[in-house]
Amino acid sequence: MPVYSVDGEVERYNVYHVYMIIRHDLDNRKYLYDVINIKKETSNPLGC
């Protein structure tokens, strides 16, 4: 998720790890049921 500065430029990114519970139906549609185990990434992988 981008974090924007006052002038509208991307200042940094917040990165999260999540598990998404998705149902794949017989009609090839996918349904998002839940997002669990949300954890914010604390390292700085992008050098921001």
N, C-alpha and C. Protein backbone atom coordinates (compact mmCIF):
# COMPACT_ATOMS: atom_id res chain seq x y z
N MET A 1 0.84 -1.16 0.00
CA MET A 1 0.00 0.00 0.00
C MET A 1 0.89 1.23 0.00
N PRO A 2 0.72 2.10 -0.96
CA PRO A 2 1.56 3.30 -0.99
C PRO A 2 1.16 4.31 0.08
N VAL A 3 2.15 5.01 0.59
CA VAL A 3 1.94 6.12 1.52
C VAL A 3 2.38 7.37 0.78
N TYR A 4 1.46 8.34 0.66
CA TYR A 4 1.73 9.53 -0.13
C TYR A 4 2.14 10.70 0.77
N SER A 5 3.02 11.55 0.25
CA SER A 5 3.41 12.76 0.95
C SER A 5 2.36 13.84 0.69
N VAL A 6 2.55 15.00 1.28
CA VAL A 6 1.59 16.10 1.14
C VAL A 6 1.45 16.54 -0.32
N ASP A 7 2.54 16.47 -1.10
CA ASP A 7 2.48 16.91 -2.50
C ASP A 7 2.00 15.82 -3.45
N GLY A 8 1.57 14.65 -2.92
CA GLY A 8 0.99 13.61 -3.75
C GLY A 8 1.97 12.59 -4.28
N GLU A 9 3.24 12.71 -3.96
CA GLU A 9 4.25 11.75 -4.40
C GLU A 9 4.28 10.55 -3.45
N VAL A 10 4.64 9.38 -3.99
CA VAL A 10 4.76 8.19 -3.15
C VAL A 10 5.98 8.36 -2.26
N GLU A 11 5.75 8.31 -0.97
CA GLU A 11 6.81 8.50 0.01
C GLU A 11 7.45 7.17 0.38
N ARG A 12 6.61 6.14 0.57
CA ARG A 12 7.09 4.80 0.91
C ARG A 12 5.93 3.84 0.72
N TYR A 13 6.19 2.56 0.94
CA TYR A 13 5.15 1.55 0.84
C TYR A 13 5.02 0.81 2.16
N ASN A 14 3.79 0.52 2.56
CA ASN A 14 3.53 -0.38 3.67
C ASN A 14 3.24 -1.74 3.06
N VAL A 15 4.00 -2.75 3.48
CA VAL A 15 3.87 -4.10 2.92
C VAL A 15 3.30 -5.01 4.01
N TYR A 16 2.31 -5.81 3.64
CA TYR A 16 1.65 -6.72 4.58
C TYR A 16 1.69 -8.14 4.02
N HIS A 17 1.71 -9.10 4.94
CA HIS A 17 1.55 -10.51 4.60
C HIS A 17 0.19 -10.92 5.13
N VAL A 18 -0.63 -11.54 4.28
CA VAL A 18 -1.97 -11.96 4.69
C VAL A 18 -2.29 -13.33 4.11
N TYR A 19 -3.26 -13.99 4.71
CA TYR A 19 -3.85 -15.20 4.16
C TYR A 19 -5.26 -14.84 3.72
N MET A 20 -5.58 -15.15 2.46
CA MET A 20 -6.91 -14.87 1.95
C MET A 20 -7.66 -16.19 1.79
N ILE A 21 -8.88 -16.23 2.31
CA ILE A 21 -9.74 -17.41 2.18
C ILE A 21 -10.64 -17.16 0.97
N ILE A 22 -10.43 -17.96 -0.08
CA ILE A 22 -11.14 -17.78 -1.36
C ILE A 22 -11.82 -19.08 -1.75
N ARG A 23 -13.05 -18.97 -2.20
CA ARG A 23 -13.77 -20.14 -2.73
C ARG A 23 -13.77 -20.06 -4.24
N HIS A 24 -13.35 -21.14 -4.88
CA HIS A 24 -13.40 -21.24 -6.34
C HIS A 24 -14.62 -22.08 -6.68
N ASP A 25 -15.65 -21.45 -7.25
CA ASP A 25 -16.93 -22.10 -7.49
C ASP A 25 -16.90 -22.89 -8.80
N LEU A 26 -17.90 -23.73 -8.99
CA LEU A 26 -17.99 -24.55 -10.20
C LEU A 26 -18.17 -23.71 -11.46
N ASP A 27 -18.70 -22.49 -11.33
CA ASP A 27 -18.88 -21.63 -12.50
C ASP A 27 -17.64 -20.77 -12.77
N ASN A 28 -16.50 -21.15 -12.19
CA ASN A 28 -15.20 -20.49 -12.34
C ASN A 28 -15.16 -19.09 -11.75
N ARG A 29 -16.08 -18.77 -10.86
CA ARG A 29 -16.02 -17.50 -10.14
C ARG A 29 -15.30 -17.72 -8.82
N LYS A 30 -14.62 -16.68 -8.37
CA LYS A 30 -13.91 -16.75 -7.10
C LYS A 30 -14.54 -15.76 -6.13
N TYR A 31 -14.71 -16.21 -4.89
CA TYR A 31 -15.36 -15.41 -3.86
C TYR A 31 -14.40 -15.24 -2.69
N LEU A 32 -14.10 -14.00 -2.34
CA LEU A 32 -13.25 -13.71 -1.19
C LEU A 32 -14.10 -13.80 0.06
N TYR A 33 -13.72 -14.70 0.97
CA TYR A 33 -14.46 -14.88 2.21
C TYR A 33 -13.86 -14.11 3.36
N ASP A 34 -12.54 -14.11 3.48
CA ASP A 34 -11.94 -13.49 4.65
C ASP A 34 -10.47 -13.22 4.37
N VAL A 35 -9.91 -12.28 5.13
CA VAL A 35 -8.48 -11.99 5.12
C VAL A 35 -8.02 -12.17 6.57
N ILE A 36 -7.11 -13.11 6.79
CA ILE A 36 -6.69 -13.42 8.16
C ILE A 36 -5.18 -13.34 8.29
N ASN A 37 -4.70 -13.38 9.52
CA ASN A 37 -3.27 -13.35 9.84
C ASN A 37 -2.57 -12.17 9.18
N ILE A 38 -3.10 -10.99 9.37
CA ILE A 38 -2.53 -9.78 8.78
C ILE A 38 -1.31 -9.37 9.60
N LYS A 39 -0.16 -9.31 8.94
CA LYS A 39 1.08 -8.91 9.61
C LYS A 39 1.82 -7.91 8.74
N LYS A 40 2.21 -6.80 9.35
CA LYS A 40 2.95 -5.78 8.62
C LYS A 40 4.41 -6.20 8.51
N GLU A 41 4.95 -6.08 7.32
CA GLU A 41 6.36 -6.38 7.07
C GLU A 41 7.19 -5.30 7.74
N THR A 42 8.14 -5.72 8.57
CA THR A 42 8.93 -4.74 9.33
C THR A 42 10.30 -4.48 8.72
N SER A 43 10.73 -5.32 7.78
CA SER A 43 12.02 -5.07 7.15
C SER A 43 11.86 -3.99 6.08
N ASN A 44 12.94 -3.64 5.43
CA ASN A 44 12.93 -2.59 4.43
C ASN A 44 13.42 -3.16 3.09
N PRO A 45 12.59 -4.04 2.43
CA PRO A 45 13.07 -4.73 1.23
C PRO A 45 13.26 -3.84 0.02
N LEU A 46 12.57 -2.72 -0.05
CA LEU A 46 12.65 -1.86 -1.24
C LEU A 46 13.64 -0.73 -1.08
N GLY A 47 14.26 -0.63 0.08
CA GLY A 47 15.23 0.44 0.30
C GLY A 47 14.62 1.81 0.46
N CYS A 48 13.35 1.87 0.80
CA CYS A 48 12.65 3.16 0.95
C CYS A 48 12.92 3.76 2.31
